[in-house]
Amino acid sequence: MDMYSFLRELADSWILLTLVLFFLGACLFVFRPGAGVLHRDAAESIFRNEKGPLPAGDKEVE
């Protein structure tokens, strides 16, 4: 058996199965119970140090 045929057969079977299982594991990890709080915290982390909206006409200082 030449190398190309071996790698093609391997990719069509075991590597495909491994990638599908990895994808399903990643989906289960993201959508597990209790993860919503962590996702919400990460999404709102950029607003953590803001005191409120800027008054009209004021420019933000860098």
C-alpha atoms as a PDB file:
ATOM      1  CA  MET A   1       0.000   0.000   0.000  1.00  0.00           C
ATOM      2  CA  ASP A   2       1.448   3.345  -0.957  1.00  0.00           C
ATOM      3  CA  MET A   3       1.598   6.246   1.496  1.00  0.00           C
ATOM      4  CA  TYR A   4      -1.160   8.310  -0.146  1.00  0.00           C
ATOM      5  CA  SER A   5      -3.695   5.476   0.016  1.00  0.00           C
ATOM      6  CA  PHE A   6      -2.817   4.775   3.635  1.00  0.00           C
ATOM      7  CA  LEU A   7      -3.184   8.420   4.673  1.00  0.00           C
ATOM      8  CA  ARG A   8      -6.408   8.786   2.689  1.00  0.00           C
ATOM      9  CA  GLU A   9      -7.902   5.732   4.371  1.00  0.00           C
ATOM     10  CA  LEU A  10      -6.770   6.985   7.774  1.00  0.00           C
ATOM     11  CA  ALA A  11      -8.270  10.441   7.184  1.00  0.00           C
ATOM     12  CA  ASP A  12     -11.548   8.961   5.955  1.00  0.00           C
ATOM     13  CA  SER A  13     -11.998   6.850   9.057  1.00  0.00           C
ATOM     14  CA  TRP A  14     -10.173   7.475  12.326  1.00  0.00           C
ATOM     15  CA  ILE A  15      -9.240  11.127  11.943  1.00  0.00           C
ATOM     16  CA  LEU A  16     -12.773  11.993  10.834  1.00  0.00           C
ATOM     17  CA  LEU A  17     -14.146  10.187  13.881  1.00  0.00           C
ATOM     18  CA  THR A  18     -11.662  11.988  16.144  1.00  0.00           C
ATOM     19  CA  LEU A  19     -12.607  15.409  14.750  1.00  0.00           C
ATOM     20  CA  VAL A  20     -16.334  14.712  15.096  1.00  0.00           C
ATOM     21  CA  LEU A  21     -15.863  13.645  18.716  1.00  0.00           C
ATOM     22  CA  PHE A  22     -13.735  16.733  19.402  1.00  0.00           C
ATOM     23  CA  PHE A  23     -16.440  18.980  17.881  1.00  0.00           C
ATOM     24  CA  LEU A  24     -19.184  17.348  19.933  1.00  0.00           C
ATOM     25  CA  GLY A  25     -17.064  17.661  23.076  1.00  0.00           C
ATOM     26  CA  ALA A  26     -16.457  21.357  22.388  1.00  0.00           C
ATOM     27  CA  CYS A  27     -20.191  21.933  21.863  1.00  0.00           C
ATOM     28  CA  LEU A  28     -21.045  20.126  25.091  1.00  0.00           C
ATOM     29  CA  PHE A  29     -18.390  22.133  26.942  1.00  0.00           C
ATOM     30  CA  VAL A  30     -19.764  25.454  25.706  1.00  0.00           C
ATOM     31  CA  PHE A  31     -23.431  24.633  26.301  1.00  0.00           C
ATOM     32  CA  ARG A  32     -22.992  22.855  29.638  1.00  0.00           C
ATOM     33  CA  PRO A  33     -25.281  23.863  32.509  1.00  0.00           C
ATOM     34  CA  GLY A  34     -23.893  26.785  34.469  1.00  0.00           C
ATOM     35  CA  ALA A  35     -21.715  28.101  31.649  1.00  0.00           C
ATOM     36  CA  GLY A  36     -24.104  30.951  30.904  1.00  0.00           C
ATOM     37  CA  VAL A  37     -22.894  32.922  33.906  1.00  0.00           C
ATOM     38  CA  LEU A  38     -19.277  32.640  32.768  1.00  0.00           C
ATOM     39  CA  HIS A  39     -20.159  33.634  29.194  1.00  0.00           C
ATOM     40  CA  ARG A  40     -22.175  36.634  30.389  1.00  0.00           C
ATOM     41  CA  ASP A  41     -19.320  37.731  32.666  1.00  0.00           C
ATOM     42  CA  ALA A  42     -16.818  37.484  29.807  1.00  0.00           C
ATOM     43  CA  ALA A  43     -19.131  39.424  27.456  1.00  0.00           C
ATOM     44  CA  GLU A  44     -19.661  42.246  29.960  1.00  0.00           C
ATOM     45  CA  SER A  45     -16.041  42.449  31.164  1.00  0.00           C
ATOM     46  CA  ILE A  46     -15.206  45.347  28.827  1.00  0.00           C
ATOM     47  CA  PHE A  47     -17.794  47.507  30.622  1.00  0.00           C
ATOM     48  CA  ARG A  48     -16.598  46.681  34.133  1.00  0.00           C
ATOM     49  CA  ASN A  49     -14.721  49.962  34.766  1.00  0.00           C
ATOM     50  CA  GLU A  50     -17.203  52.367  33.186  1.00  0.00           C
ATOM     51  CA  LYS A  51     -19.056  54.694  35.515  1.00  0.00           C
ATOM     52  CA  GLY A  52     -21.714  55.679  32.992  1.00  0.00           C
ATOM     53  CA  PRO A  53     -22.190  57.219  29.562  1.00  0.00           C
ATOM     54  CA  LEU A  54     -20.206  60.307  28.631  1.00  0.00           C
ATOM     55  CA  PRO A  55     -22.075  63.622  28.743  1.00  0.00           C
ATOM     56  CA  ALA A  56     -23.026  65.077  25.364  1.00  0.00           C
ATOM     57  CA  GLY A  57     -20.165  66.945  23.705  1.00  0.00           C
ATOM     58  CA  ASP A  58     -17.395  65.422  25.859  1.00  0.00           C
ATOM     59  CA  LYS A  59     -14.644  63.444  24.209  1.00  0.00           C
ATOM     60  CA  GLU A  60     -13.109  60.387  25.772  1.00  0.00           C
ATOM     61  CA  VAL A  61      -9.510  60.846  26.936  1.00  0.00           C
ATOM     62  CA  GLU A  62      -7.125  58.127  25.837  1.00  0.00           C
END
